[in-house]
Amino acid sequence: MSTVRVRRKLESETLHLPELKPLIGRTVEITVVERAAAKSIPPVDGQGLAKHIGRALTPAEMTQELEEASRPSAELSVALKHKVDYSQVF
């Protein structure tokens, strides 16, 4: 038993699949599965990347950029309602 996987965009109801030529005359099962469209990646404007072209970031620069990207700005931060009780910390 052989398996042939073909991925094509259907343009019509008539298929031309030369990959199946060796199976002509045999009983086969044909399954068609619609694939979800790939998620589009938003375009990069290049402004954030321009300062890094041609050089590697230092660990300090990597840390700074990670913090800038992952932490909310001060005006978006919410102060904790309760302080940490360090007597309860292991």
C-alpha atoms as a PDB file:
ATOM      1  CA  MET A   1       0.000   0.000   0.000  1.00  0.00           C
ATOM      2  CA  SER A   2       1.364   3.421  -0.910  1.00  0.00           C
ATOM      3  CA  THR A   3       0.326   6.862   0.234  1.00  0.00           C
ATOM      4  CA  VAL A   4       0.455   9.970  -1.924  1.00  0.00           C
ATOM      5  CA  ARG A   5      -0.210  13.389  -0.447  1.00  0.00           C
ATOM      6  CA  VAL A   6      -0.870  16.223  -2.844  1.00  0.00           C
ATOM      7  CA  ARG A   7      -1.519  19.804  -1.776  1.00  0.00           C
ATOM      8  CA  ARG A   8      -3.029  22.019  -4.406  1.00  0.00           C
ATOM      9  CA  LYS A   9      -5.282  25.010  -4.672  1.00  0.00           C
ATOM     10  CA  LEU A  10      -8.392  23.873  -6.480  1.00  0.00           C
ATOM     11  CA  GLU A  11      -9.059  25.988  -9.543  1.00  0.00           C
ATOM     12  CA  SER A  12     -11.838  23.821 -11.003  1.00  0.00           C
ATOM     13  CA  GLU A  13     -13.749  20.605 -10.375  1.00  0.00           C
ATOM     14  CA  THR A  14     -11.499  18.738 -12.821  1.00  0.00           C
ATOM     15  CA  LEU A  15      -8.198  17.593 -11.331  1.00  0.00           C
ATOM     16  CA  HIS A  16      -4.999  16.707 -13.158  1.00  0.00           C
ATOM     17  CA  LEU A  17      -2.757  14.799 -10.741  1.00  0.00           C
ATOM     18  CA  PRO A  18       0.253  13.228 -12.462  1.00  0.00           C
ATOM     19  CA  GLU A  19       1.450  12.023  -9.039  1.00  0.00           C
ATOM     20  CA  LEU A  20      -1.307   9.386  -9.162  1.00  0.00           C
ATOM     21  CA  LYS A  21      -0.181   7.863 -12.480  1.00  0.00           C
ATOM     22  CA  PRO A  22       1.403   4.782 -10.813  1.00  0.00           C
ATOM     23  CA  LEU A  23      -1.957   4.009  -9.166  1.00  0.00           C
ATOM     24  CA  ILE A  24      -4.028   3.999 -12.350  1.00  0.00           C
ATOM     25  CA  GLY A  25      -6.081   0.808 -12.501  1.00  0.00           C
ATOM     26  CA  ARG A  26      -6.002   0.229  -8.735  1.00  0.00           C
ATOM     27  CA  THR A  27      -8.762   0.807  -6.217  1.00  0.00           C
ATOM     28  CA  VAL A  28      -7.869   3.895  -4.137  1.00  0.00           C
ATOM     29  CA  GLU A  29      -9.516   6.095  -1.548  1.00  0.00           C
ATOM     30  CA  ILE A  30      -9.400   9.826  -2.191  1.00  0.00           C
ATOM     31  CA  THR A  31      -9.990  12.245   0.677  1.00  0.00           C
ATOM     32  CA  VAL A  32     -10.120  16.006   0.232  1.00  0.00           C
ATOM     33  CA  VAL A  33      -9.522  18.203   3.287  1.00  0.00           C
ATOM     34  CA  GLU A  34      -9.904  21.957   3.169  1.00  0.00           C
ATOM     35  CA  ARG A  35      -7.019  23.677   4.902  1.00  0.00           C
ATOM     36  CA  ALA A  36      -7.614  26.813   6.951  1.00  0.00           C
ATOM     37  CA  ALA A  37      -6.063  29.912   5.468  1.00  0.00           C
ATOM     38  CA  ALA A  38      -2.691  30.735   6.950  1.00  0.00           C
ATOM     39  CA  LYS A  39      -2.722  33.597   9.411  1.00  0.00           C
ATOM     40  CA  SER A  40      -1.254  36.663   7.854  1.00  0.00           C
ATOM     41  CA  ILE A  41       1.684  38.217   9.613  1.00  0.00           C
ATOM     42  CA  PRO A  42       1.329  41.972  10.029  1.00  0.00           C
ATOM     43  CA  PRO A  43       3.900  43.887   8.013  1.00  0.00           C
ATOM     44  CA  VAL A  44       6.922  45.211   9.865  1.00  0.00           C
ATOM     45  CA  ASP A  45       7.592  48.885   9.336  1.00  0.00           C
ATOM     46  CA  GLY A  46      11.311  48.383   9.888  1.00  0.00           C
ATOM     47  CA  GLN A  47      11.684  51.322  12.248  1.00  0.00           C
ATOM     48  CA  GLY A  48      12.239  49.101  15.289  1.00  0.00           C
ATOM     49  CA  LEU A  49      14.633  46.867  13.387  1.00  0.00           C
ATOM     50  CA  ALA A  50      16.740  49.539  11.745  1.00  0.00           C
ATOM     51  CA  LYS A  51      18.835  50.199  14.841  1.00  0.00           C
ATOM     52  CA  HIS A  52      19.882  46.519  15.027  1.00  0.00           C
ATOM     53  CA  ILE A  53      20.883  45.858  11.441  1.00  0.00           C
ATOM     54  CA  GLY A  54      24.464  44.700  11.150  1.00  0.00           C
ATOM     55  CA  ARG A  55      25.134  43.990  14.812  1.00  0.00           C
ATOM     56  CA  ALA A  56      24.131  41.673  17.622  1.00  0.00           C
ATOM     57  CA  LEU A  57      22.401  42.932  20.743  1.00  0.00           C
ATOM     58  CA  THR A  58      24.207  42.825  24.047  1.00  0.00           C
ATOM     59  CA  PRO A  59      22.506  40.924  26.890  1.00  0.00           C
ATOM     60  CA  ALA A  60      21.661  44.260  28.560  1.00  0.00           C
ATOM     61  CA  GLU A  61      20.011  45.542  25.371  1.00  0.00           C
ATOM     62  CA  MET A  62      18.060  42.299  24.991  1.00  0.00           C
ATOM     63  CA  THR A  63      16.819  42.575  28.574  1.00  0.00           C
ATOM     64  CA  GLN A  64      15.822  46.208  28.119  1.00  0.00           C
ATOM     65  CA  GLU A  65      13.897  45.504  24.896  1.00  0.00           C
ATOM     66  CA  LEU A  66      12.166  42.504  26.441  1.00  0.00           C
ATOM     67  CA  GLU A  67      11.085  44.580  29.436  1.00  0.00           C
ATOM     68  CA  GLU A  68       9.835  47.396  27.200  1.00  0.00           C
ATOM     69  CA  ALA A  69       7.801  44.970  25.125  1.00  0.00           C
ATOM     70  CA  SER A  70       6.387  42.870  27.943  1.00  0.00           C
ATOM     71  CA  ARG A  71       5.706  45.353  30.742  1.00  0.00           C
ATOM     72  CA  PRO A  72       2.898  47.892  30.641  1.00  0.00           C
ATOM     73  CA  SER A  73       3.758  51.548  30.894  1.00  0.00           C
ATOM     74  CA  ALA A  74       3.456  53.290  34.268  1.00  0.00           C
ATOM     75  CA  GLU A  75       0.091  54.857  33.420  1.00  0.00           C
ATOM     76  CA  LEU A  76      -1.342  51.414  32.615  1.00  0.00           C
ATOM     77  CA  SER A  77      -0.006  49.814  35.790  1.00  0.00           C
ATOM     78  CA  VAL A  78      -2.303  49.231  38.736  1.00  0.00           C
ATOM     79  CA  ALA A  79      -0.940  49.380  42.253  1.00  0.00           C
ATOM     80  CA  LEU A  80      -1.424  46.290  44.395  1.00  0.00           C
ATOM     81  CA  LYS A  81      -4.218  46.584  46.943  1.00  0.00           C
ATOM     82  CA  HIS A  82      -2.377  44.422  49.457  1.00  0.00           C
ATOM     83  CA  LYS A  83       1.250  44.319  50.401  1.00  0.00           C
ATOM     84  CA  VAL A  84       3.199  41.081  50.470  1.00  0.00           C
ATOM     85  CA  ASP A  85       3.270  39.435  53.907  1.00  0.00           C
ATOM     86  CA  TYR A  86       6.842  38.176  53.942  1.00  0.00           C
ATOM     87  CA  SER A  87       6.194  36.170  57.140  1.00  0.00           C
ATOM     88  CA  GLN A  88       4.036  33.892  54.969  1.00  0.00           C
ATOM     89  CA  VAL A  89       6.686  33.409  52.299  1.00  0.00           C
ATOM     90  CA  PHE A  90       8.567  30.127  52.494  1.00  0.00           C
END
